[in-house]
Every structure is written in structure tokens, then in C-alpha cells.
Amino acid sequence: MDIIYNDLTDLLYIRFDDKKQKVINRQITEDIVLDLSKEEKIVGIEIINASKNISLEKLLPVKHKSYNKVAS
């Protein structure tokens, strides 16, 4: 399982299955999208506006992808 947070898009992605496969996206709320396998099993969960919807500091370990550029 991987948990990845992108601070540029404020998107949190929880991936349950490492197998490369085609997925079907099913939006279940305004801020939550499920990635489903062809067998309708949950492969991943995408949380939009993650910092507003959940406590990010409680999700450990999180692979944090920062895209903010530092001014020089």
C-alpha cells in the first residue's frame, strides 16, 4: 500500500494494489474518486482537497511530493 500526497494539487492518493492494470474511475462524492479494477475491487482512492477533508499528519508513512519551487 502506498499513500502519496501532492501539495501542489492538494491531492492524496491511497493505492492498495501495486499491480499495473487498467482502472475505472468512479466518483462517489465531490472530493472522493475510487479506482476500481475490472472485477470492481478497489485499487485506489483519490481524495481531492485532502488538507481540508482529512488530518494529513495522522497518515504515516506518507510519500510527500512537493512541487513548490524555492526562489533563488
Protein backbone atom coordinates (compact mmCIF):
# COMPACT_ATOMS: atom_id res chain seq x y z
CA MET A 1 0.00 0.00 0.00
CA ASP A 2 1.24 3.48 -0.86
CA ILE A 3 -0.03 6.82 0.39
CA ILE A 4 1.08 9.78 -1.71
CA TYR A 5 0.28 13.44 -1.10
CA ASN A 6 0.83 16.12 -3.75
CA ASP A 7 0.93 19.56 -2.12
CA LEU A 8 0.62 21.41 -5.43
CA THR A 9 -2.76 19.88 -6.24
CA ASP A 10 -3.73 19.08 -2.60
CA LEU A 11 -4.45 15.55 -3.75
CA LEU A 12 -4.00 12.44 -1.61
CA TYR A 13 -3.84 9.06 -3.30
CA ILE A 14 -4.02 5.75 -1.46
CA ARG A 15 -3.00 2.81 -3.64
CA PHE A 16 -3.87 -0.68 -2.35
CA ASP A 17 -2.68 -2.79 -5.28
CA ASP A 18 0.78 -2.41 -6.86
CA LYS A 19 -0.17 -4.42 -9.93
CA LYS A 20 -0.21 -2.34 -13.14
CA GLN A 21 -3.72 -2.50 -14.54
CA LYS A 22 -6.44 -0.51 -16.21
CA VAL A 23 -8.85 1.05 -13.74
CA ILE A 24 -12.31 2.51 -13.86
CA ASN A 25 -12.78 5.83 -12.04
CA ARG A 26 -15.96 6.15 -10.02
CA GLN A 27 -16.63 9.47 -8.32
CA ILE A 28 -18.55 8.79 -5.13
CA THR A 29 -18.58 12.31 -3.66
CA GLU A 30 -17.41 15.72 -4.83
CA ASP A 31 -13.96 15.07 -3.31
CA ILE A 32 -13.54 11.27 -3.48
CA VAL A 33 -12.84 9.12 -6.54
CA LEU A 34 -12.40 5.35 -6.41
CA ASP A 35 -10.17 3.48 -8.85
CA LEU A 36 -11.75 0.08 -9.50
CA SER A 37 -10.32 -2.99 -11.21
CA LYS A 38 -12.29 -4.78 -13.92
CA GLU A 39 -13.51 -7.09 -11.13
CA GLU A 40 -14.89 -3.98 -9.32
CA LYS A 41 -12.32 -4.24 -6.50
CA ILE A 42 -10.95 -1.00 -5.07
CA VAL A 43 -7.41 -0.44 -6.35
CA GLY A 44 -7.01 3.13 -5.08
CA ILE A 45 -8.74 6.11 -3.51
CA GLU A 46 -8.15 9.68 -4.63
CA ILE A 47 -9.04 12.45 -2.19
CA ILE A 48 -9.33 15.93 -3.70
CA ASN A 49 -8.77 18.94 -1.40
CA ALA A 50 -7.18 16.48 1.01
CA SER A 51 -5.91 19.04 3.53
CA LYS A 52 -9.49 20.28 4.00
CA ASN A 53 -11.01 16.81 4.32
CA ILE A 54 -8.62 14.79 6.50
CA SER A 55 -5.83 15.19 9.02
CA LEU A 56 -2.76 14.63 6.83
CA GLU A 57 -0.28 14.49 9.73
CA LYS A 58 -2.02 11.37 11.07
CA LEU A 59 -1.38 9.44 7.85
CA LEU A 60 2.08 7.96 8.24
CA PRO A 61 4.12 6.99 6.37
CA VAL A 62 3.20 9.30 3.52
CA LYS A 63 5.26 9.78 0.38
CA HIS A 64 5.14 13.52 0.04
CA LYS A 65 5.59 15.02 -3.41
CA SER A 66 6.34 18.71 -3.20
CA TYR A 67 6.21 20.75 -6.38
CA ASN A 68 6.72 24.19 -4.82
CA LYS A 69 9.83 25.84 -6.23
CA VAL A 70 12.21 27.64 -3.91
CA ALA A 71 13.06 31.17 -5.07
CA SER A 72 16.78 31.81 -5.54
